[in-house]
Amino acid sequence: SSPLFFVFLTLDFLRTRGGRLVTAAVMQGAPNLFRSFVLGIIVIVCFGVYTYAYFSQTVNINQELCRSPFQCVAKHILDSMTGDLTTVLGDDFGNFAYPSMTLWTDSWNSWRSLFVFCSIIFWVFLLQ
């Protein structure tokens, strides 16, 4: 029932034949997993910089979250790691974007909706 016991049990499992196979599989796949992680961080930072450049005024009006590029990008990274981008792209109620009825009547909100859609799609692809 102790969490410390689980650590020793896991270490004991890694000494068995099955544990060695798991360790070998992890060691073989580690470089590809690391490259995927780095690519994911790069994509998140790019989306974070873009979010600060175009949507920082909207976010600050709604939530007062960030005042500098570093704050906005760090908030974007932390929120995307937890799987919730509503704090940097939406409002307090989880509304991501405010799409217009037609593209030509309100192109800013249509572009914002497209940006949110693309960032979610890229994030889902990175997680798979």
C-alpha atoms as a PDB file:
ATOM      1  CA  SER A   1       0.000   0.000   0.000  1.00  0.00           C
ATOM      2  CA  SER A   2       3.045   2.273   0.205  1.00  0.00           C
ATOM      3  CA  PRO A   3       4.119   4.267  -2.881  1.00  0.00           C
ATOM      4  CA  LEU A   4       7.713   3.502  -1.960  1.00  0.00           C
ATOM      5  CA  PHE A   5       6.962  -0.208  -2.322  1.00  0.00           C
ATOM      6  CA  PHE A   6       5.843   0.378  -5.918  1.00  0.00           C
ATOM      7  CA  VAL A   7       9.243   1.876  -6.788  1.00  0.00           C
ATOM      8  CA  PHE A   8      11.074  -1.192  -5.507  1.00  0.00           C
ATOM      9  CA  LEU A   9       8.596  -3.500  -7.218  1.00  0.00           C
ATOM     10  CA  THR A  10       9.171  -1.700 -10.533  1.00  0.00           C
ATOM     11  CA  LEU A  11      12.941  -1.912 -10.108  1.00  0.00           C
ATOM     12  CA  ASP A  12      12.605  -5.623  -9.400  1.00  0.00           C
ATOM     13  CA  PHE A  13      10.476  -6.042 -12.543  1.00  0.00           C
ATOM     14  CA  LEU A  14      13.183  -4.382 -14.658  1.00  0.00           C
ATOM     15  CA  ARG A  15      15.592  -7.156 -13.614  1.00  0.00           C
ATOM     16  CA  THR A  16      13.377  -9.886 -15.077  1.00  0.00           C
ATOM     17  CA  ARG A  17      13.410 -10.983 -18.730  1.00  0.00           C
ATOM     18  CA  GLY A  18      10.248  -9.015 -19.529  1.00  0.00           C
ATOM     19  CA  GLY A  19      11.634  -5.947 -17.812  1.00  0.00           C
ATOM     20  CA  ARG A  20      14.826  -6.148 -19.857  1.00  0.00           C
ATOM     21  CA  LEU A  21      12.740  -6.333 -23.041  1.00  0.00           C
ATOM     22  CA  VAL A  22      10.802  -3.247 -21.981  1.00  0.00           C
ATOM     23  CA  THR A  23      14.041  -1.420 -21.190  1.00  0.00           C
ATOM     24  CA  ALA A  24      15.532  -2.398 -24.562  1.00  0.00           C
ATOM     25  CA  ALA A  25      12.409  -1.196 -26.381  1.00  0.00           C
ATOM     26  CA  VAL A  26      12.488   2.118 -24.550  1.00  0.00           C
ATOM     27  CA  MET A  27      16.197   2.564 -25.278  1.00  0.00           C
ATOM     28  CA  GLN A  28      15.652   1.798 -28.964  1.00  0.00           C
ATOM     29  CA  GLY A  29      12.743   4.213 -29.291  1.00  0.00           C
ATOM     30  CA  ALA A  30      14.183   6.951 -27.056  1.00  0.00           C
ATOM     31  CA  PRO A  31      15.885   8.993 -29.830  1.00  0.00           C
ATOM     32  CA  ASN A  32      12.688   9.135 -31.899  1.00  0.00           C
ATOM     33  CA  LEU A  33      10.610   9.997 -28.839  1.00  0.00           C
ATOM     34  CA  PHE A  34      13.060  12.757 -27.936  1.00  0.00           C
ATOM     35  CA  ARG A  35      12.947  14.189 -31.474  1.00  0.00           C
ATOM     36  CA  SER A  36       9.137  14.148 -31.357  1.00  0.00           C
ATOM     37  CA  PHE A  37       9.237  15.938 -28.014  1.00  0.00           C
ATOM     38  CA  VAL A  38      11.601  18.612 -29.369  1.00  0.00           C
ATOM     39  CA  LEU A  39       9.424  19.070 -32.460  1.00  0.00           C
ATOM     40  CA  GLY A  40       6.379  19.423 -30.229  1.00  0.00           C
ATOM     41  CA  ILE A  41       8.101  22.084 -28.113  1.00  0.00           C
ATOM     42  CA  ILE A  42       9.152  23.972 -31.265  1.00  0.00           C
ATOM     43  CA  VAL A  43       5.593  23.910 -32.634  1.00  0.00           C
ATOM     44  CA  ILE A  44       4.171  25.038 -29.285  1.00  0.00           C
ATOM     45  CA  VAL A  45       6.674  27.905 -29.069  1.00  0.00           C
ATOM     46  CA  CYS A  46       5.861  28.990 -32.637  1.00  0.00           C
ATOM     47  CA  PHE A  47       2.142  28.978 -31.869  1.00  0.00           C
ATOM     48  CA  GLY A  48       2.853  30.786 -28.586  1.00  0.00           C
ATOM     49  CA  VAL A  49       4.797  33.564 -30.332  1.00  0.00           C
ATOM     50  CA  TYR A  50       2.072  33.879 -32.939  1.00  0.00           C
ATOM     51  CA  THR A  51      -0.570  33.972 -30.209  1.00  0.00           C
ATOM     52  CA  TYR A  52       1.283  36.778 -28.446  1.00  0.00           C
ATOM     53  CA  ALA A  53       1.777  38.716 -31.665  1.00  0.00           C
ATOM     54  CA  TYR A  54      -1.850  38.600 -32.772  1.00  0.00           C
ATOM     55  CA  PHE A  55      -4.052  37.740 -29.808  1.00  0.00           C
ATOM     56  CA  SER A  56      -2.329  39.233 -26.747  1.00  0.00           C
ATOM     57  CA  GLN A  57      -4.653  42.228 -26.609  1.00  0.00           C
ATOM     58  CA  THR A  58      -7.723  39.971 -26.709  1.00  0.00           C
ATOM     59  CA  VAL A  59      -6.322  37.717 -23.995  1.00  0.00           C
ATOM     60  CA  ASN A  60      -5.388  40.678 -21.805  1.00  0.00           C
ATOM     61  CA  ILE A  61      -8.826  42.230 -22.206  1.00  0.00           C
ATOM     62  CA  ASN A  62     -10.513  38.958 -21.217  1.00  0.00           C
ATOM     63  CA  GLN A  63      -8.163  37.616 -18.551  1.00  0.00           C
ATOM     64  CA  GLU A  64      -5.087  39.802 -17.843  1.00  0.00           C
ATOM     65  CA  LEU A  65      -2.783  36.794 -18.298  1.00  0.00           C
ATOM     66  CA  CYS A  66       0.401  38.085 -19.873  1.00  0.00           C
ATOM     67  CA  ARG A  67       2.242  41.353 -20.352  1.00  0.00           C
ATOM     68  CA  SER A  68       5.442  40.223 -22.094  1.00  0.00           C
ATOM     69  CA  PRO A  69       6.260  37.783 -24.907  1.00  0.00           C
ATOM     70  CA  PHE A  70       8.017  35.489 -22.430  1.00  0.00           C
ATOM     71  CA  GLN A  71       4.956  35.350 -20.172  1.00  0.00           C
ATOM     72  CA  CYS A  72       2.596  34.582 -23.062  1.00  0.00           C
ATOM     73  CA  VAL A  73       4.818  31.908 -24.616  1.00  0.00           C
ATOM     74  CA  ALA A  74       5.490  30.291 -21.218  1.00  0.00           C
ATOM     75  CA  LYS A  75       1.750  30.318 -20.437  1.00  0.00           C
ATOM     76  CA  HIS A  76       1.045  28.803 -23.861  1.00  0.00           C
ATOM     77  CA  ILE A  77       3.604  26.022 -23.270  1.00  0.00           C
ATOM     78  CA  LEU A  78       2.351  25.225 -19.775  1.00  0.00           C
ATOM     79  CA  ASP A  79      -1.309  25.256 -20.782  1.00  0.00           C
ATOM     80  CA  SER A  80      -0.734  23.113 -23.843  1.00  0.00           C
ATOM     81  CA  MET A  81       1.150  20.555 -21.734  1.00  0.00           C
ATOM     82  CA  THR A  82      -1.917  20.247 -19.526  1.00  0.00           C
ATOM     83  CA  GLY A  83      -4.157  20.051 -22.603  1.00  0.00           C
ATOM     84  CA  ASP A  84      -6.135  23.238 -22.018  1.00  0.00           C
ATOM     85  CA  LEU A  85      -5.549  26.133 -24.400  1.00  0.00           C
ATOM     86  CA  THR A  86      -8.678  28.037 -23.429  1.00  0.00           C
ATOM     87  CA  THR A  87      -6.727  30.314 -21.115  1.00  0.00           C
ATOM     88  CA  VAL A  88      -4.501  31.681 -23.875  1.00  0.00           C
ATOM     89  CA  LEU A  89      -6.890  31.573 -26.824  1.00  0.00           C
ATOM     90  CA  GLY A  90     -10.308  32.079 -25.318  1.00  0.00           C
ATOM     91  CA  ASP A  91     -12.147  33.499 -22.397  1.00  0.00           C
ATOM     92  CA  ASP A  92     -12.940  32.327 -18.874  1.00  0.00           C
ATOM     93  CA  PHE A  93     -15.856  30.224 -20.078  1.00  0.00           C
ATOM     94  CA  GLY A  94     -13.836  28.051 -22.486  1.00  0.00           C
ATOM     95  CA  ASN A  95     -14.942  29.804 -25.650  1.00  0.00           C
ATOM     96  CA  PHE A  96     -12.014  29.443 -28.013  1.00  0.00           C
ATOM     97  CA  ALA A  97     -13.033  31.781 -30.784  1.00  0.00           C
ATOM     98  CA  TYR A  98     -15.925  33.816 -31.914  1.00  0.00           C
ATOM     99  CA  PRO A  99     -16.525  32.720 -35.509  1.00  0.00           C
ATOM    100  CA  SER A 100     -18.447  34.946 -37.821  1.00  0.00           C
ATOM    101  CA  MET A 101     -21.330  33.831 -39.987  1.00  0.00           C
ATOM    102  CA  THR A 102     -19.376  34.507 -43.175  1.00  0.00           C
ATOM    103  CA  LEU A 103     -15.664  35.021 -43.752  1.00  0.00           C
ATOM    104  CA  TRP A 104     -15.981  38.438 -45.377  1.00  0.00           C
ATOM    105  CA  THR A 105     -18.119  40.033 -42.652  1.00  0.00           C
ATOM    106  CA  ASP A 106     -15.623  39.555 -39.825  1.00  0.00           C
ATOM    107  CA  SER A 107     -12.314  38.264 -41.093  1.00  0.00           C
ATOM    108  CA  TRP A 108     -10.465  38.765 -37.788  1.00  0.00           C
ATOM    109  CA  ASN A 109     -12.610  36.323 -35.823  1.00  0.00           C
ATOM    110  CA  SER A 110     -12.660  33.901 -38.769  1.00  0.00           C
ATOM    111  CA  TRP A 111      -8.859  33.971 -38.894  1.00  0.00           C
ATOM    112  CA  ARG A 112      -8.724  33.473 -35.136  1.00  0.00           C
ATOM    113  CA  SER A 113     -11.031  30.451 -35.394  1.00  0.00           C
ATOM    114  CA  LEU A 114      -8.854  28.975 -38.154  1.00  0.00           C
ATOM    115  CA  PHE A 115      -5.721  29.528 -36.049  1.00  0.00           C
ATOM    116  CA  VAL A 116      -7.256  27.799 -33.027  1.00  0.00           C
ATOM    117  CA  PHE A 117      -8.433  24.914 -35.205  1.00  0.00           C
ATOM    118  CA  CYS A 118      -4.949  24.479 -36.736  1.00  0.00           C
ATOM    119  CA  SER A 119      -3.208  24.610 -33.360  1.00  0.00           C
ATOM    120  CA  ILE A 120      -5.535  21.965 -31.936  1.00  0.00           C
ATOM    121  CA  ILE A 121      -5.050  19.743 -35.000  1.00  0.00           C
ATOM    122  CA  PHE A 122      -1.249  20.033 -34.800  1.00  0.00           C
ATOM    123  CA  TRP A 123      -1.355  19.326 -31.084  1.00  0.00           C
ATOM    124  CA  VAL A 124      -3.479  16.209 -31.584  1.00  0.00           C
ATOM    125  CA  PHE A 125      -1.114  14.976 -34.316  1.00  0.00           C
ATOM    126  CA  LEU A 126       1.856  15.456 -31.999  1.00  0.00           C
ATOM    127  CA  LEU A 127       0.188  13.528 -29.215  1.00  0.00           C
ATOM    128  CA  GLN A 128      -0.495  10.472 -31.380  1.00  0.00           C
END
